[in-house]
Amino acid sequence: KSVKMTSGLGLSFMFRAAVEGKAPKRGAS
């Protein structure tokens, strides 16, 4: 589950920034 969350959330963050144009908040990491 931790591996799935790591990869899935990383992809979700990248998609949000690259495709949807919404930059992550300062504390997102």
PDB file of all heavy atoms in Angstrom:
ATOM      1  N   LYS A   1       0.823  -1.206   0.000  1.00  0.00           N
ATOM      2  CA  LYS A   1       0.000   0.000   0.000  1.00  0.00           C
ATOM      3  C   LYS A   1       0.858   1.256   0.000  1.00  0.00           C
ATOM      4  O   LYS A   1       0.528   2.240  -0.660  1.00  0.00           O
ATOM      5  CB  LYS A   1      -0.941   0.016   1.209  1.00  0.00           C
ATOM      6  CG  LYS A   1      -2.143  -0.866   1.089  1.00  0.00           C
ATOM      7  CD  LYS A   1      -3.014  -0.674   2.319  1.00  0.00           C
ATOM      8  CE  LYS A   1      -4.379  -1.244   2.147  1.00  0.00           C
ATOM      9  NZ  LYS A   1      -5.234  -0.995   3.304  1.00  0.00           N
ATOM     10  N   SER A   2       1.948   1.229   0.748  1.00  0.00           N
ATOM     11  CA  SER A   2       2.800   2.420   0.803  1.00  0.00           C
ATOM     12  C   SER A   2       3.453   2.698  -0.548  1.00  0.00           C
ATOM     13  O   SER A   2       3.585   3.862  -0.950  1.00  0.00           O
ATOM     14  CB  SER A   2       3.864   2.266   1.893  1.00  0.00           C
ATOM     15  OG  SER A   2       4.677   1.150   1.645  1.00  0.00           O
ATOM     16  N   VAL A   3       3.845   1.657  -1.261  1.00  0.00           N
ATOM     17  CA  VAL A   3       4.438   1.827  -2.585  1.00  0.00           C
ATOM     18  C   VAL A   3       3.392   2.366  -3.558  1.00  0.00           C
ATOM     19  O   VAL A   3       3.660   3.284  -4.341  1.00  0.00           O
ATOM     20  CB  VAL A   3       5.036   0.499  -3.103  1.00  0.00           C
ATOM     21  CG1 VAL A   3       5.503   0.618  -4.539  1.00  0.00           C
ATOM     22  CG2 VAL A   3       6.164   0.045  -2.203  1.00  0.00           C
ATOM     23  N   LYS A   4       2.204   1.808  -3.491  1.00  0.00           N
ATOM     24  CA  LYS A   4       1.122   2.263  -4.366  1.00  0.00           C
ATOM     25  C   LYS A   4       0.785   3.726  -4.086  1.00  0.00           C
ATOM     26  O   LYS A   4       0.568   4.516  -5.008  1.00  0.00           O
ATOM     27  CB  LYS A   4      -0.107   1.376  -4.174  1.00  0.00           C
ATOM     28  CG  LYS A   4      -1.151   1.569  -5.222  1.00  0.00           C
ATOM     29  CD  LYS A   4      -2.226   0.503  -5.107  1.00  0.00           C
ATOM     30  CE  LYS A   4      -3.136   0.542  -6.296  1.00  0.00           C
ATOM     31  NZ  LYS A   4      -4.135  -0.503  -6.267  1.00  0.00           N
ATOM     32  N   MET A   5       0.742   4.107  -2.817  1.00  0.00           N
ATOM     33  CA  MET A   5       0.437   5.499  -2.474  1.00  0.00           C
ATOM     34  C   MET A   5       1.557   6.422  -2.918  1.00  0.00           C
ATOM     35  O   MET A   5       1.305   7.512  -3.443  1.00  0.00           O
ATOM     36  CB  MET A   5       0.189   5.648  -0.971  1.00  0.00           C
ATOM     37  CG  MET A   5      -0.160   7.068  -0.561  1.00  0.00           C
ATOM     38  SD  MET A   5      -1.615   7.767  -1.389  1.00  0.00           S
ATOM     39  CE  MET A   5      -2.918   6.880  -0.564  1.00  0.00           C
ATOM     40  N   THR A   6       2.807   6.013  -2.730  1.00  0.00           N
ATOM     41  CA  THR A   6       3.937   6.842  -3.147  1.00  0.00           C
ATOM     42  C   THR A   6       3.891   7.127  -4.640  1.00  0.00           C
ATOM     43  O   THR A   6       3.974   8.280  -5.067  1.00  0.00           O
ATOM     44  CB  THR A   6       5.270   6.169  -2.785  1.00  0.00           C
ATOM     45  OG1 THR A   6       5.324   5.964  -1.384  1.00  0.00           O
ATOM     46  CG2 THR A   6       6.454   7.009  -3.224  1.00  0.00           C
ATOM     47  N   SER A   7       3.743   6.080  -5.427  1.00  0.00           N
ATOM     48  CA  SER A   7       3.738   6.283  -6.878  1.00  0.00           C
ATOM     49  C   SER A   7       2.456   6.966  -7.345  1.00  0.00           C
ATOM     50  O   SER A   7       2.502   7.878  -8.173  1.00  0.00           O
ATOM     51  CB  SER A   7       3.946   4.957  -7.608  1.00  0.00           C
ATOM     52  OG  SER A   7       2.933   4.037  -7.248  1.00  0.00           O
ATOM     53  N   GLY A   8       1.315   6.557  -6.822  1.00  0.00           N
ATOM     54  CA  GLY A   8       0.045   7.142  -7.239  1.00  0.00           C
ATOM     55  C   GLY A   8      -0.066   8.609  -6.885  1.00  0.00           C
ATOM     56  O   GLY A   8      -0.529   9.427  -7.688  1.00  0.00           O
ATOM     57  N   LEU A   9       0.345   8.974  -5.688  1.00  0.00           N
ATOM     58  CA  LEU A   9       0.251  10.368  -5.266  1.00  0.00           C
ATOM     59  C   LEU A   9       1.263  11.230  -6.024  1.00  0.00           C
ATOM     60  O   LEU A   9       0.965  12.368  -6.388  1.00  0.00           O
ATOM     61  CB  LEU A   9       0.451  10.487  -3.759  1.00  0.00           C
ATOM     62  CG  LEU A   9       0.046  11.804  -3.129  1.00  0.00           C
ATOM     63  CD1 LEU A   9      -1.388  12.173  -3.466  1.00  0.00           C
ATOM     64  CD2 LEU A   9       0.210  11.730  -1.623  1.00  0.00           C
ATOM     65  N   GLY A  10       2.439  10.682  -6.289  1.00  0.00           N
ATOM     66  CA  GLY A  10       3.412  11.410  -7.101  1.00  0.00           C
ATOM     67  C   GLY A  10       2.868  11.706  -8.490  1.00  0.00           C
ATOM     68  O   GLY A  10       2.987  12.826  -9.002  1.00  0.00           O
ATOM     69  N   LEU A  11       2.228  10.712  -9.099  1.00  0.00           N
ATOM     70  CA  LEU A  11       1.627  10.915 -10.414  1.00  0.00           C
ATOM     71  C   LEU A  11       0.466  11.906 -10.352  1.00  0.00           C
ATOM     72  O   LEU A  11       0.299  12.734 -11.249  1.00  0.00           O
ATOM     73  CB  LEU A  11       1.144   9.574 -10.979  1.00  0.00           C
ATOM     74  CG  LEU A  11       2.238   8.605 -11.384  1.00  0.00           C
ATOM     75  CD1 LEU A  11       1.657   7.233 -11.691  1.00  0.00           C
ATOM     76  CD2 LEU A  11       3.007   9.147 -12.570  1.00  0.00           C
ATOM     77  N   SER A  12      -0.314  11.831  -9.288  1.00  0.00           N
ATOM     78  CA  SER A  12      -1.423  12.756  -9.129  1.00  0.00           C
ATOM     79  C   SER A  12      -0.931  14.194  -9.007  1.00  0.00           C
ATOM     80  O   SER A  12      -1.492  15.117  -9.611  1.00  0.00           O
ATOM     81  CB  SER A  12      -2.256  12.375  -7.901  1.00  0.00           C
ATOM     82  OG  SER A  12      -3.392  13.197  -7.774  1.00  0.00           O
ATOM     83  N   PHE A  13       0.131  14.401  -8.240  1.00  0.00           N
ATOM     84  CA  PHE A  13       0.721  15.728  -8.091  1.00  0.00           C
ATOM     85  C   PHE A  13       1.249  16.237  -9.430  1.00  0.00           C
ATOM     86  O   PHE A  13       1.026  17.398  -9.800  1.00  0.00           O
ATOM     87  CB  PHE A  13       1.859  15.709  -7.066  1.00  0.00           C
ATOM     88  CG  PHE A  13       1.444  16.130  -5.690  1.00  0.00           C
ATOM     89  CD1 PHE A  13       0.859  15.226  -4.824  1.00  0.00           C
ATOM     90  CD2 PHE A  13       1.648  17.421  -5.258  1.00  0.00           C
ATOM     91  CE1 PHE A  13       0.476  15.606  -3.548  1.00  0.00           C
ATOM     92  CE2 PHE A  13       1.272  17.816  -3.984  1.00  0.00           C
ATOM     93  CZ  PHE A  13       0.686  16.907  -3.131  1.00  0.00           C
ATOM     94  N   MET A  14       1.967  15.371 -10.161  1.00  0.00           N
ATOM     95  CA  MET A  14       2.520  15.788 -11.448  1.00  0.00           C
ATOM     96  C   MET A  14       1.420  16.111 -12.449  1.00  0.00           C
ATOM     97  O   MET A  14       1.503  17.093 -13.184  1.00  0.00           O
ATOM     98  CB  MET A  14       3.442  14.703 -12.003  1.00  0.00           C
ATOM     99  CG  MET A  14       4.762  14.618 -11.276  1.00  0.00           C
ATOM    100  SD  MET A  14       5.927  13.479 -12.046  1.00  0.00           S
ATOM    101  CE  MET A  14       5.276  11.905 -11.497  1.00  0.00           C
ATOM    102  N   PHE A  15       0.376  15.313 -12.484  1.00  0.00           N
ATOM    103  CA  PHE A  15      -0.751  15.561 -13.383  1.00  0.00           C
ATOM    104  C   PHE A  15      -1.435  16.870 -13.036  1.00  0.00           C
ATOM    105  O   PHE A  15      -1.801  17.651 -13.911  1.00  0.00           O
ATOM    106  CB  PHE A  15      -1.748  14.394 -13.299  1.00  0.00           C
ATOM    107  CG  PHE A  15      -2.879  14.500 -14.275  1.00  0.00           C
ATOM    108  CD1 PHE A  15      -2.723  14.089 -15.582  1.00  0.00           C
ATOM    109  CD2 PHE A  15      -4.114  15.013 -13.885  1.00  0.00           C
ATOM    110  CE1 PHE A  15      -3.763  14.184 -16.491  1.00  0.00           C
ATOM    111  CE2 PHE A  15      -5.156  15.113 -14.780  1.00  0.00           C
ATOM    112  CZ  PHE A  15      -4.983  14.700 -16.094  1.00  0.00           C
ATOM    113  N   ARG A  16      -1.589  17.110 -11.741  1.00  0.00           N
ATOM    114  CA  ARG A  16      -2.240  18.346 -11.281  1.00  0.00           C
ATOM    115  C   ARG A  16      -1.456  19.565 -11.748  1.00  0.00           C
ATOM    116  O   ARG A  16      -2.040  20.558 -12.186  1.00  0.00           O
ATOM    117  CB  ARG A  16      -2.332  18.333  -9.749  1.00  0.00           C
ATOM    118  CG  ARG A  16      -3.164  19.438  -9.175  1.00  0.00           C
ATOM    119  CD  ARG A  16      -4.617  19.104  -9.321  1.00  0.00           C
ATOM    120  NE  ARG A  16      -5.431  19.980  -8.501  1.00  0.00           N
ATOM    121  CZ  ARG A  16      -6.601  20.455  -8.881  1.00  0.00           C
ATOM    122  NH1 ARG A  16      -7.110  20.112 -10.038  1.00  0.00           N
ATOM    123  NH2 ARG A  16      -7.290  21.228  -8.098  1.00  0.00           N
ATOM    124  N   ALA A  17      -0.133  19.486 -11.688  1.00  0.00           N
ATOM    125  CA  ALA A  17       0.704  20.621 -12.082  1.00  0.00           C
ATOM    126  C   ALA A  17       0.840  20.736 -13.602  1.00  0.00           C
ATOM    127  O   ALA A  17       0.645  21.815 -14.164  1.00  0.00           O
ATOM    128  CB  ALA A  17       2.080  20.496 -11.443  1.00  0.00           C
ATOM    129  N   ALA A  18       1.149  19.628 -14.270  1.00  0.00           N
ATOM    130  CA  ALA A  18       1.464  19.681 -15.700  1.00  0.00           C
ATOM    131  C   ALA A  18       0.227  19.805 -16.590  1.00  0.00           C
ATOM    132  O   ALA A  18       0.232  20.569 -17.552  1.00  0.00           O
ATOM    133  CB  ALA A  18       2.255  18.439 -16.091  1.00  0.00           C
ATOM    134  N   VAL A  19      -0.818  19.078 -16.272  1.00  0.00           N
ATOM    135  CA  VAL A  19      -1.989  19.046 -17.141  1.00  0.00           C
ATOM    136  C   VAL A  19      -3.070  20.023 -16.679  1.00  0.00           C
ATOM    137  O   VAL A  19      -3.630  20.766 -17.483  1.00  0.00           O
ATOM    138  CB  VAL A  19      -2.561  17.612 -17.237  1.00  0.00           C
ATOM    139  CG1 VAL A  19      -3.824  17.573 -18.078  1.00  0.00           C
ATOM    140  CG2 VAL A  19      -1.514  16.662 -17.800  1.00  0.00           C
ATOM    141  N   GLU A  20      -3.327  20.022 -15.390  1.00  0.00           N
ATOM    142  CA  GLU A  20      -4.396  20.878 -14.869  1.00  0.00           C
ATOM    143  C   GLU A  20      -3.920  22.283 -14.512  1.00  0.00           C
ATOM    144  O   GLU A  20      -4.730  23.147 -14.208  1.00  0.00           O
ATOM    145  CB  GLU A  20      -5.049  20.202 -13.656  1.00  0.00           C
ATOM    146  CG  GLU A  20      -5.698  18.889 -14.021  1.00  0.00           C
ATOM    147  CD  GLU A  20      -6.181  18.080 -12.835  1.00  0.00           C
ATOM    148  OE1 GLU A  20      -5.720  18.312 -11.694  1.00  0.00           O
ATOM    149  OE2 GLU A  20      -7.038  17.204 -13.047  1.00  0.00           O
ATOM    150  N   GLY A  21      -2.611  22.500 -14.536  1.00  0.00           N
ATOM    151  CA  GLY A  21      -2.055  23.823 -14.335  1.00  0.00           C
ATOM    152  C   GLY A  21      -2.162  24.372 -12.925  1.00  0.00           C
ATOM    153  O   GLY A  21      -2.079  25.568 -12.702  1.00  0.00           O
ATOM    154  N   LYS A  22      -2.298  23.503 -11.941  1.00  0.00           N
ATOM    155  CA  LYS A  22      -2.417  23.942 -10.547  1.00  0.00           C
ATOM    156  C   LYS A  22      -1.135  23.550  -9.819  1.00  0.00           C
ATOM    157  O   LYS A  22      -0.844  22.374  -9.627  1.00  0.00           O
ATOM    158  CB  LYS A  22      -3.634  23.287  -9.903  1.00  0.00           C
ATOM    159  CG  LYS A  22      -3.820  23.637  -8.475  1.00  0.00           C
ATOM    160  CD  LYS A  22      -5.104  24.354  -8.248  1.00  0.00           C
ATOM    161  CE  LYS A  22      -5.190  24.636  -6.762  1.00  0.00           C
ATOM    162  NZ  LYS A  22      -6.187  25.490  -6.382  1.00  0.00           N
ATOM    163  N   ALA A  23      -0.378  24.539  -9.397  1.00  0.00           N
ATOM    164  CA  ALA A  23       0.882  24.280  -8.696  1.00  0.00           C
ATOM    165  C   ALA A  23       0.605  23.805  -7.270  1.00  0.00           C
ATOM    166  O   ALA A  23      -0.336  24.270  -6.630  1.00  0.00           O
ATOM    167  CB  ALA A  23       1.726  25.542  -8.662  1.00  0.00           C
ATOM    168  N   PRO A  24       1.414  22.867  -6.764  1.00  0.00           N
ATOM    169  CA  PRO A  24       1.223  22.407  -5.386  1.00  0.00           C
ATOM    170  C   PRO A  24       1.495  23.521  -4.373  1.00  0.00           C
ATOM    171  O   PRO A  24       2.276  24.437  -4.635  1.00  0.00           O
ATOM    172  CB  PRO A  24       2.227  21.272  -5.222  1.00  0.00           C
ATOM    173  CG  PRO A  24       3.082  21.279  -6.415  1.00  0.00           C
ATOM    174  CD  PRO A  24       2.497  22.179  -7.433  1.00  0.00           C
ATOM    175  N   LYS A  25       0.838  23.420  -3.236  1.00  0.00           N
ATOM    176  CA  LYS A  25       1.061  24.387  -2.163  1.00  0.00           C
ATOM    177  C   LYS A  25       2.465  24.227  -1.597  1.00  0.00           C
ATOM    178  O   LYS A  25       3.126  23.216  -1.802  1.00  0.00           O
ATOM    179  CB  LYS A  25       0.039  24.181  -1.037  1.00  0.00           C
ATOM    180  CG  LYS A  25      -1.372  24.491  -1.435  1.00  0.00           C
ATOM    181  CD  LYS A  25      -2.324  24.434  -0.274  1.00  0.00           C
ATOM    182  CE  LYS A  25      -2.176  23.138   0.498  1.00  0.00           C
ATOM    183  NZ  LYS A  25      -3.140  22.983   1.564  1.00  0.00           N
ATOM    184  N   ARG A  26       2.873  25.211  -0.852  1.00  0.00           N
ATOM    185  CA  ARG A  26       4.220  25.230  -0.296  1.00  0.00           C
ATOM    186  C   ARG A  26       4.517  24.008   0.581  1.00  0.00           C
ATOM    187  O   ARG A  26       5.595  23.459   0.559  1.00  0.00           O
ATOM    188  CB  ARG A  26       4.397  26.513   0.502  1.00  0.00           C
ATOM    189  CG  ARG A  26       5.772  26.722   0.993  1.00  0.00           C
ATOM    190  CD  ARG A  26       5.903  28.064   1.637  1.00  0.00           C
ATOM    191  NE  ARG A  26       7.289  28.312   1.924  1.00  0.00           N
ATOM    192  CZ  ARG A  26       7.770  29.458   2.277  1.00  0.00           C
ATOM    193  NH1 ARG A  26       6.967  30.484   2.395  1.00  0.00           N
ATOM    194  NH2 ARG A  26       9.037  29.608   2.525  1.00  0.00           N
ATOM    195  N   GLY A  27       3.573  23.546   1.376  1.00  0.00           N
ATOM    196  CA  GLY A  27       3.792  22.425   2.284  1.00  0.00           C
ATOM    197  C   GLY A  27       3.384  21.079   1.717  1.00  0.00           C
ATOM    198  O   GLY A  27       3.261  20.104   2.458  1.00  0.00           O
ATOM    199  N   ALA A  28       3.208  20.985   0.416  1.00  0.00           N
ATOM    200  CA  ALA A  28       2.718  19.741  -0.184  1.00  0.00           C
ATOM    201  C   ALA A  28       3.669  18.567   0.033  1.00  0.00           C
ATOM    202  O   ALA A  28       3.229  17.431   0.181  1.00  0.00           O
ATOM    203  CB  ALA A  28       2.466  19.949  -1.670  1.00  0.00           C
ATOM    204  N   SER A  29       4.957  18.810   0.072  1.00  0.00           N
ATOM    205  CA  SER A  29       5.899  17.708   0.272  1.00  0.00           C
ATOM    206  C   SER A  29       5.715  17.073   1.646  1.00  0.00           C
ATOM    207  O   SER A  29       5.902  15.870   1.818  1.00  0.00           O
ATOM    208  CB  SER A  29       7.341  18.193   0.099  1.00  0.00           C
ATOM    209  OG  SER A  29       7.664  19.148   1.097  1.00  0.00           O
TER     210      SER A  29
END
